[in-house]
Amino acid sequence: MDLKGKVAVVTGVSKGIGLAAVKLLLEKGAIVAGWGRTAPDLEHDNFHHFECDVRHSESVQAAFDQTIARLGTHVQVLVNNAGLGIAGFLEDMSLDDWHTMFNTNVNGIFYCTRLVLPGMKELEEGHIINISSIAGTTGIEQMSGYCGTKHAVRGISHSLYKEVREYGIKVTCIYPGSVQTNFFDNIESVTVNENMMRPEDIASTILHALESHPNYHHIDIEVRPLMPKGKRQK
């Protein structure tokens, strides 16, 4: 897809992967609507922030309506990036924490995607990028809730691409390993370090998938740091 002039929605844009993706899309000439609870520290003629909490369908609907009203066209790219993880043994997990993860990581994707699909079908062009995690392909001790949400993202992505591919719409699911973001702020067992991937690395993968030939479809992309523990000690 040639991104120049295309309308892209990115969720979770205040920092990290979302903000890095926004910056690359703007460099490519896209018009970007950033949906998030907090606006990023970013000023650009083609960037528009709309307050949105993806956990709530009415908030997503409002952001979508405002986006269409301001930009006056259909959404051609959706990057479902908003997400969070809360660590803990399953039997110790509070109901609030469990629901927060599923409402953000799973329901949020549903709320956002269902609104952009009709326009993409009308245009016969579109690309939905879902950010999962390597936690969506395996199990991790004390991360059962988070893993459950990211397995769900994988299942949604695999089912959806089969529903919409004949309309010229792509669905790509990306599974990052550890990334230098605020994701780990509330996970005491992990400290962000330079051996992790950068948000810009994941953004470059998003851009690579988006700019591919119309008949070339990335379905699953797993990315990891090459040396998560650093160079081998001699």
C-alpha atoms as a PDB file:
ATOM      1  CA  MET A   1       0.000   0.000   0.000  1.00  0.00           C
ATOM      2  CA  ASP A   2       1.176   3.492  -0.850  1.00  0.00           C
ATOM      3  CA  LEU A   3       0.592   5.252   2.462  1.00  0.00           C
ATOM      4  CA  LYS A   4       0.689   8.823   1.171  1.00  0.00           C
ATOM      5  CA  GLY A   5      -2.648  10.463   1.919  1.00  0.00           C
ATOM      6  CA  LYS A   6      -4.107   7.316   3.495  1.00  0.00           C
ATOM      7  CA  VAL A   7      -5.946   7.574   6.812  1.00  0.00           C
ATOM      8  CA  ALA A   8      -4.451   5.429   9.558  1.00  0.00           C
ATOM      9  CA  VAL A   9      -5.793   4.888  13.064  1.00  0.00           C
ATOM     10  CA  VAL A  10      -3.315   3.842  15.757  1.00  0.00           C
ATOM     11  CA  THR A  11      -4.454   2.988  19.287  1.00  0.00           C
ATOM     12  CA  GLY A  12      -2.308   3.456  22.377  1.00  0.00           C
ATOM     13  CA  VAL A  13      -0.304   6.362  20.984  1.00  0.00           C
ATOM     14  CA  SER A  14       1.031   8.144  24.058  1.00  0.00           C
ATOM     15  CA  LYS A  15       4.396   6.348  23.975  1.00  0.00           C
ATOM     16  CA  GLY A  16       6.203   3.149  23.016  1.00  0.00           C
ATOM     17  CA  ILE A  17       5.255   1.139  19.924  1.00  0.00           C
ATOM     18  CA  GLY A  18       2.186   3.228  19.174  1.00  0.00           C
ATOM     19  CA  LEU A  19       4.040   6.527  19.105  1.00  0.00           C
ATOM     20  CA  ALA A  20       6.899   5.031  17.069  1.00  0.00           C
ATOM     21  CA  ALA A  21       4.386   3.701  14.529  1.00  0.00           C
ATOM     22  CA  VAL A  22       2.684   7.085  14.292  1.00  0.00           C
ATOM     23  CA  LYS A  23       5.975   8.809  13.523  1.00  0.00           C
ATOM     24  CA  LEU A  24       6.864   6.382  10.722  1.00  0.00           C
ATOM     25  CA  LEU A  25       3.395   6.637   9.197  1.00  0.00           C
ATOM     26  CA  LEU A  26       3.650  10.416   9.192  1.00  0.00           C
ATOM     27  CA  GLU A  27       7.052  10.206   7.490  1.00  0.00           C
ATOM     28  CA  LYS A  28       5.363   8.197   4.738  1.00  0.00           C
ATOM     29  CA  GLY A  29       2.721  10.854   4.217  1.00  0.00           C
ATOM     30  CA  ALA A  30      -0.177   9.170   5.981  1.00  0.00           C
ATOM     31  CA  ILE A  31      -2.859  11.105   7.846  1.00  0.00           C
ATOM     32  CA  VAL A  32      -2.861   9.617  11.338  1.00  0.00           C
ATOM     33  CA  ALA A  33      -5.619   9.544  13.925  1.00  0.00           C
ATOM     34  CA  GLY A  34      -4.202   8.630  17.304  1.00  0.00           C
ATOM     35  CA  TRP A  35      -6.726   7.075  19.663  1.00  0.00           C
ATOM     36  CA  GLY A  36      -5.640   7.031  23.278  1.00  0.00           C
ATOM     37  CA  ARG A  37      -6.428   8.200  26.779  1.00  0.00           C
ATOM     38  CA  THR A  38      -3.362  10.465  26.756  1.00  0.00           C
ATOM     39  CA  ALA A  39      -2.125  12.578  23.869  1.00  0.00           C
ATOM     40  CA  PRO A  40       1.512  12.077  22.866  1.00  0.00           C
ATOM     41  CA  ASP A  41       4.081  14.843  22.871  1.00  0.00           C
ATOM     42  CA  LEU A  42       3.822  15.251  19.119  1.00  0.00           C
ATOM     43  CA  GLU A  43       2.812  18.078  16.823  1.00  0.00           C
ATOM     44  CA  HIS A  44       2.332  17.461  13.112  1.00  0.00           C
ATOM     45  CA  ASP A  45      -0.126  18.824  10.555  1.00  0.00           C
ATOM     46  CA  ASN A  46      -1.237  15.306   9.664  1.00  0.00           C
ATOM     47  CA  PHE A  47      -1.590  14.008  13.227  1.00  0.00           C
ATOM     48  CA  HIS A  48      -4.885  14.230  15.070  1.00  0.00           C
ATOM     49  CA  HIS A  49      -5.401  12.951  18.606  1.00  0.00           C
ATOM     50  CA  PHE A  50      -8.812  11.723  19.703  1.00  0.00           C
ATOM     51  CA  GLU A  51      -9.347  10.833  23.337  1.00  0.00           C
ATOM     52  CA  CYS A  52     -10.318   7.181  23.541  1.00  0.00           C
ATOM     53  CA  ASP A  53     -10.381   4.359  26.065  1.00  0.00           C
ATOM     54  CA  VAL A  54     -10.590   1.157  24.028  1.00  0.00           C
ATOM     55  CA  ARG A  55     -12.038  -0.705  27.008  1.00  0.00           C
ATOM     56  CA  HIS A  56     -15.352   1.040  26.438  1.00  0.00           C
ATOM     57  CA  SER A  57     -17.334   0.663  23.207  1.00  0.00           C
ATOM     58  CA  GLU A  58     -18.970   4.088  23.555  1.00  0.00           C
ATOM     59  CA  SER A  59     -15.551   5.752  23.828  1.00  0.00           C
ATOM     60  CA  VAL A  60     -14.357   3.966  20.687  1.00  0.00           C
ATOM     61  CA  GLN A  61     -17.532   4.923  18.842  1.00  0.00           C
ATOM     62  CA  ALA A  62     -17.035   8.571  19.778  1.00  0.00           C
ATOM     63  CA  ALA A  63     -13.403   8.534  18.596  1.00  0.00           C
ATOM     64  CA  PHE A  64     -14.431   6.893  15.335  1.00  0.00           C
ATOM     65  CA  ASP A  65     -17.236   9.387  14.700  1.00  0.00           C
ATOM     66  CA  GLN A  66     -14.913  12.321  15.423  1.00  0.00           C
ATOM     67  CA  THR A  67     -12.227  10.865  13.146  1.00  0.00           C
ATOM     68  CA  ILE A  68     -14.596  10.490  10.202  1.00  0.00           C
ATOM     69  CA  ALA A  69     -16.106  13.924  10.800  1.00  0.00           C
ATOM     70  CA  ARG A  70     -12.728  15.669  10.913  1.00  0.00           C
ATOM     71  CA  LEU A  71     -10.917  13.727   8.194  1.00  0.00           C
ATOM     72  CA  GLY A  72     -13.921  13.143   5.951  1.00  0.00           C
ATOM     73  CA  THR A  73     -12.981   9.735   4.594  1.00  0.00           C
ATOM     74  CA  HIS A  74     -12.791   6.051   5.407  1.00  0.00           C
ATOM     75  CA  VAL A  75     -10.019   4.534   7.518  1.00  0.00           C
ATOM     76  CA  GLN A  76      -7.599   2.484   5.421  1.00  0.00           C
ATOM     77  CA  VAL A  77      -5.174   1.353   8.134  1.00  0.00           C
ATOM     78  CA  LEU A  78      -5.860   0.276  11.710  1.00  0.00           C
ATOM     79  CA  VAL A  79      -3.059  -0.559  14.129  1.00  0.00           C
ATOM     80  CA  ASN A  80      -4.539  -2.213  17.215  1.00  0.00           C
ATOM     81  CA  ASN A  81      -1.662  -1.491  19.563  1.00  0.00           C
ATOM     82  CA  ALA A  82      -3.297  -0.574  22.885  1.00  0.00           C
ATOM     83  CA  GLY A  83      -2.599  -3.255  25.465  1.00  0.00           C
ATOM     84  CA  LEU A  84      -1.300  -4.042  28.918  1.00  0.00           C
ATOM     85  CA  GLY A  85      -0.196  -6.930  31.096  1.00  0.00           C
ATOM     86  CA  ILE A  86      -0.604  -7.601  34.799  1.00  0.00           C
ATOM     87  CA  ALA A  87       1.463 -10.340  36.419  1.00  0.00           C
ATOM     88  CA  GLY A  88       0.274 -12.717  39.106  1.00  0.00           C
ATOM     89  CA  PHE A  89      -0.760 -16.262  39.859  1.00  0.00           C
ATOM     90  CA  LEU A  90      -4.209 -17.023  38.493  1.00  0.00           C
ATOM     91  CA  GLU A  91      -5.766 -17.695  41.903  1.00  0.00           C
ATOM     92  CA  ASP A  92      -4.408 -14.401  43.232  1.00  0.00           C
ATOM     93  CA  MET A  93      -5.555 -12.270  40.291  1.00  0.00           C
ATOM     94  CA  SER A  94      -8.227  -9.727  41.166  1.00  0.00           C
ATOM     95  CA  LEU A  95     -11.377  -9.591  39.081  1.00  0.00           C
ATOM     96  CA  ASP A  96     -10.625  -5.966  38.203  1.00  0.00           C
ATOM     97  CA  ASP A  97      -7.149  -6.781  36.878  1.00  0.00           C
ATOM     98  CA  TRP A  98      -8.436  -9.758  34.884  1.00  0.00           C
ATOM     99  CA  HIS A  99     -11.239  -7.743  33.318  1.00  0.00           C
ATOM    100  CA  THR A 100      -8.938  -4.781  32.604  1.00  0.00           C
ATOM    101  CA  MET A 101      -6.627  -6.981  30.545  1.00  0.00           C
ATOM    102  CA  PHE A 102      -9.404  -8.645  28.568  1.00  0.00           C
ATOM    103  CA  ASN A 103     -11.343  -5.406  28.059  1.00  0.00           C
ATOM    104  CA  THR A 104      -8.228  -3.649  26.748  1.00  0.00           C
ATOM    105  CA  ASN A 105      -6.405  -6.374  24.842  1.00  0.00           C
ATOM    106  CA  VAL A 106      -9.348  -8.294  23.395  1.00  0.00           C
ATOM    107  CA  ASN A 107     -12.564  -6.280  23.538  1.00  0.00           C
ATOM    108  CA  GLY A 108     -10.692  -3.184  22.414  1.00  0.00           C
ATOM    109  CA  ILE A 109      -9.676  -4.892  19.185  1.00  0.00           C
ATOM    110  CA  PHE A 110     -13.272  -5.910  18.557  1.00  0.00           C
ATOM    111  CA  TYR A 111     -14.650  -2.434  19.253  1.00  0.00           C
ATOM    112  CA  CYS A 112     -12.147  -0.733  16.926  1.00  0.00           C
ATOM    113  CA  THR A 113     -12.088  -3.258  14.099  1.00  0.00           C
ATOM    114  CA  ARG A 114     -15.834  -3.621  13.662  1.00  0.00           C
ATOM    115  CA  LEU A 115     -16.155   0.105  12.953  1.00  0.00           C
ATOM    116  CA  VAL A 116     -13.471   0.411  10.258  1.00  0.00           C
ATOM    117  CA  LEU A 117     -14.314  -2.728   8.290  1.00  0.00           C
ATOM    118  CA  PRO A 118     -17.378  -1.420   6.398  1.00  0.00           C
ATOM    119  CA  GLY A 119     -15.359   1.485   4.987  1.00  0.00           C
ATOM    120  CA  MET A 120     -12.466  -0.784   4.041  1.00  0.00           C
ATOM    121  CA  LYS A 121     -14.877  -3.107   2.237  1.00  0.00           C
ATOM    122  CA  GLU A 122     -16.337  -0.173   0.334  1.00  0.00           C
ATOM    123  CA  LEU A 123     -12.843   0.921  -0.735  1.00  0.00           C
ATOM    124  CA  GLU A 124     -11.775  -2.676  -1.390  1.00  0.00           C
ATOM    125  CA  GLU A 125      -8.553  -1.814   0.401  1.00  0.00           C
ATOM    126  CA  GLY A 126      -7.425  -1.913   3.991  1.00  0.00           C
ATOM    127  CA  HIS A 127      -4.915  -3.314   6.431  1.00  0.00           C
ATOM    128  CA  ILE A 128      -5.441  -4.194  10.075  1.00  0.00           C
ATOM    129  CA  ILE A 129      -2.360  -4.748  12.225  1.00  0.00           C
ATOM    130  CA  ASN A 130      -2.929  -6.514  15.543  1.00  0.00           C
ATOM    131  CA  ILE A 131      -0.119  -6.390  18.091  1.00  0.00           C
ATOM    132  CA  SER A 132      -0.063  -9.662  20.000  1.00  0.00           C
ATOM    133  CA  SER A 133       3.046 -10.994  21.788  1.00  0.00           C
ATOM    134  CA  ILE A 134       5.127 -14.130  21.985  1.00  0.00           C
ATOM    135  CA  ALA A 135       2.813 -14.668  24.971  1.00  0.00           C
ATOM    136  CA  GLY A 136       0.182 -15.354  22.316  1.00  0.00           C
ATOM    137  CA  THR A 137       2.030 -18.484  21.198  1.00  0.00           C
ATOM    138  CA  THR A 138       3.082 -20.001  24.527  1.00  0.00           C
ATOM    139  CA  GLY A 139       2.349 -20.028  28.245  1.00  0.00           C
ATOM    140  CA  ILE A 140       4.275 -17.970  30.797  1.00  0.00           C
ATOM    141  CA  GLU A 141       4.194 -18.553  34.532  1.00  0.00           C
ATOM    142  CA  GLN A 142       2.325 -15.825  36.435  1.00  0.00           C
ATOM    143  CA  MET A 143       1.087 -14.334  33.147  1.00  0.00           C
ATOM    144  CA  SER A 144      -1.941 -16.563  32.518  1.00  0.00           C
ATOM    145  CA  GLY A 145      -4.344 -13.674  32.091  1.00  0.00           C
ATOM    146  CA  TYR A 146      -2.072 -11.777  29.713  1.00  0.00           C
ATOM    147  CA  CYS A 147      -1.276 -14.927  27.737  1.00  0.00           C
ATOM    148  CA  GLY A 148      -4.987 -15.643  27.481  1.00  0.00           C
ATOM    149  CA  THR A 149      -5.635 -12.236  25.955  1.00  0.00           C
ATOM    150  CA  LYS A 150      -2.810 -12.535  23.458  1.00  0.00           C
ATOM    151  CA  HIS A 151      -3.860 -16.042  22.419  1.00  0.00           C
ATOM    152  CA  ALA A 152      -7.265 -14.486  21.776  1.00  0.00           C
ATOM    153  CA  VAL A 153      -5.676 -11.805  19.573  1.00  0.00           C
ATOM    154  CA  ARG A 154      -4.080 -14.560  17.520  1.00  0.00           C
ATOM    155  CA  GLY A 155      -7.370 -16.419  17.103  1.00  0.00           C
ATOM    156  CA  ILE A 156      -9.254 -13.263  16.158  1.00  0.00           C
ATOM    157  CA  SER A 157      -6.595 -12.324  13.604  1.00  0.00           C
ATOM    158  CA  HIS A 158      -6.507 -15.749  11.967  1.00  0.00           C
ATOM    159  CA  SER A 159     -10.291 -15.913  11.692  1.00  0.00           C
ATOM    160  CA  LEU A 160     -10.734 -12.340  10.518  1.00  0.00           C
ATOM    161  CA  TYR A 161      -8.254 -12.466   7.656  1.00  0.00           C
ATOM    162  CA  LYS A 162     -10.210 -15.359   6.174  1.00  0.00           C
ATOM    163  CA  GLU A 163     -13.405 -13.322   6.434  1.00  0.00           C
ATOM    164  CA  VAL A 164     -12.090 -10.218   4.676  1.00  0.00           C
ATOM    165  CA  ARG A 165      -9.306 -11.250   2.317  1.00  0.00           C
ATOM    166  CA  GLU A 166     -11.605 -11.377  -0.712  1.00  0.00           C
ATOM    167  CA  TYR A 167     -12.448  -7.706  -0.121  1.00  0.00           C
ATOM    168  CA  GLY A 168      -8.791  -6.741  -0.553  1.00  0.00           C
ATOM    169  CA  ILE A 169      -8.306  -6.322   3.197  1.00  0.00           C
ATOM    170  CA  LYS A 170      -5.240  -7.677   4.982  1.00  0.00           C
ATOM    171  CA  VAL A 171      -4.966  -8.702   8.631  1.00  0.00           C
ATOM    172  CA  THR A 172      -1.490  -9.087  10.099  1.00  0.00           C
ATOM    173  CA  CYS A 173      -0.695 -10.286  13.611  1.00  0.00           C
ATOM    174  CA  ILE A 174       2.701  -9.359  15.078  1.00  0.00           C
ATOM    175  CA  TYR A 175       4.210 -11.252  18.014  1.00  0.00           C
ATOM    176  CA  PRO A 176       7.017  -9.223  19.626  1.00  0.00           C
ATOM    177  CA  GLY A 177       9.363 -10.511  22.272  1.00  0.00           C
ATOM    178  CA  SER A 178      10.616  -8.081  24.913  1.00  0.00           C
ATOM    179  CA  VAL A 179      10.502  -4.408  23.902  1.00  0.00           C
ATOM    180  CA  GLN A 180      11.833  -1.339  25.720  1.00  0.00           C
ATOM    181  CA  THR A 181       8.468   0.122  26.733  1.00  0.00           C
ATOM    182  CA  ASN A 182       6.534   0.984  29.872  1.00  0.00           C
ATOM    183  CA  PHE A 183       4.825  -2.427  29.630  1.00  0.00           C
ATOM    184  CA  PHE A 184       7.205  -3.706  32.309  1.00  0.00           C
ATOM    185  CA  ASP A 185       6.611  -0.850  34.759  1.00  0.00           C
ATOM    186  CA  ASN A 186       4.287  -2.980  36.892  1.00  0.00           C
ATOM    187  CA  ILE A 187       6.082  -6.299  36.407  1.00  0.00           C
ATOM    188  CA  GLU A 188       8.673  -6.533  39.176  1.00  0.00           C
ATOM    189  CA  SER A 189      10.454  -9.595  37.775  1.00  0.00           C
ATOM    190  CA  VAL A 190      11.572  -7.783  34.600  1.00  0.00           C
ATOM    191  CA  THR A 191      13.652  -4.638  34.170  1.00  0.00           C
ATOM    192  CA  VAL A 192      13.776  -2.802  30.859  1.00  0.00           C
ATOM    193  CA  ASN A 193      17.265  -3.000  29.379  1.00  0.00           C
ATOM    194  CA  GLU A 194      19.230  -2.299  26.204  1.00  0.00           C
ATOM    195  CA  ASN A 195      19.127  -5.958  25.118  1.00  0.00           C
ATOM    196  CA  MET A 196      15.415  -5.638  24.421  1.00  0.00           C
ATOM    197  CA  MET A 197      14.077  -4.526  21.057  1.00  0.00           C
ATOM    198  CA  ARG A 198      13.270  -0.863  20.519  1.00  0.00           C
ATOM    199  CA  PRO A 199       9.746   0.433  19.805  1.00  0.00           C
ATOM    200  CA  GLU A 200      11.139   1.720  16.500  1.00  0.00           C
ATOM    201  CA  ASP A 201      12.006  -1.850  15.534  1.00  0.00           C
ATOM    202  CA  ILE A 202       8.391  -2.988  15.883  1.00  0.00           C
ATOM    203  CA  ALA A 203       7.209   0.126  14.051  1.00  0.00           C
ATOM    204  CA  SER A 204       9.511  -0.733  11.149  1.00  0.00           C
ATOM    205  CA  THR A 205       7.935  -4.200  10.962  1.00  0.00           C
ATOM    206  CA  ILE A 206       4.467  -2.638  10.899  1.00  0.00           C
ATOM    207  CA  LEU A 207       5.555  -0.365   8.057  1.00  0.00           C
ATOM    208  CA  HIS A 208       7.108  -3.261   6.129  1.00  0.00           C
ATOM    209  CA  ALA A 209       3.837  -5.184   6.246  1.00  0.00           C
ATOM    210  CA  LEU A 210       1.756  -2.151   5.282  1.00  0.00           C
ATOM    211  CA  GLU A 211       3.884  -1.265   2.262  1.00  0.00           C
ATOM    212  CA  SER A 212       3.873  -4.753   0.780  1.00  0.00           C
ATOM    213  CA  HIS A 213       2.380  -5.548  -2.647  1.00  0.00           C
ATOM    214  CA  PRO A 214      -1.456  -5.735  -2.597  1.00  0.00           C
ATOM    215  CA  ASN A 215      -1.391  -9.492  -3.242  1.00  0.00           C
ATOM    216  CA  TYR A 216       1.353 -10.207  -0.693  1.00  0.00           C
ATOM    217  CA  HIS A 217      -0.060 -10.902   2.745  1.00  0.00           C
ATOM    218  CA  HIS A 218       1.893 -11.145   5.998  1.00  0.00           C
ATOM    219  CA  ILE A 219      -0.316 -13.170   8.339  1.00  0.00           C
ATOM    220  CA  ASP A 220       1.977 -13.866  11.311  1.00  0.00           C
ATOM    221  CA  ILE A 221       5.244 -12.091  12.108  1.00  0.00           C
ATOM    222  CA  GLU A 222       7.232 -13.118  15.181  1.00  0.00           C
ATOM    223  CA  VAL A 223      10.103 -10.855  16.202  1.00  0.00           C
ATOM    224  CA  ARG A 224      12.577 -11.209  19.058  1.00  0.00           C
ATOM    225  CA  PRO A 225      15.788  -9.575  20.245  1.00  0.00           C
ATOM    226  CA  LEU A 226      18.800 -11.345  18.798  1.00  0.00           C
ATOM    227  CA  MET A 227      20.690 -11.433  22.100  1.00  0.00           C
ATOM    228  CA  PRO A 228      18.162 -11.004  24.937  1.00  0.00           C
ATOM    229  CA  LYS A 229      20.868 -11.636  27.541  1.00  0.00           C
ATOM    230  CA  GLY A 230      23.569  -9.636  25.768  1.00  0.00           C
ATOM    231  CA  LYS A 231      26.691 -10.862  24.066  1.00  0.00           C
ATOM    232  CA  ARG A 232      28.225 -14.137  25.137  1.00  0.00           C
ATOM    233  CA  GLN A 233      30.894 -13.631  27.750  1.00  0.00           C
ATOM    234  CA  LYS A 234      34.294 -14.824  26.545  1.00  0.00           C
END
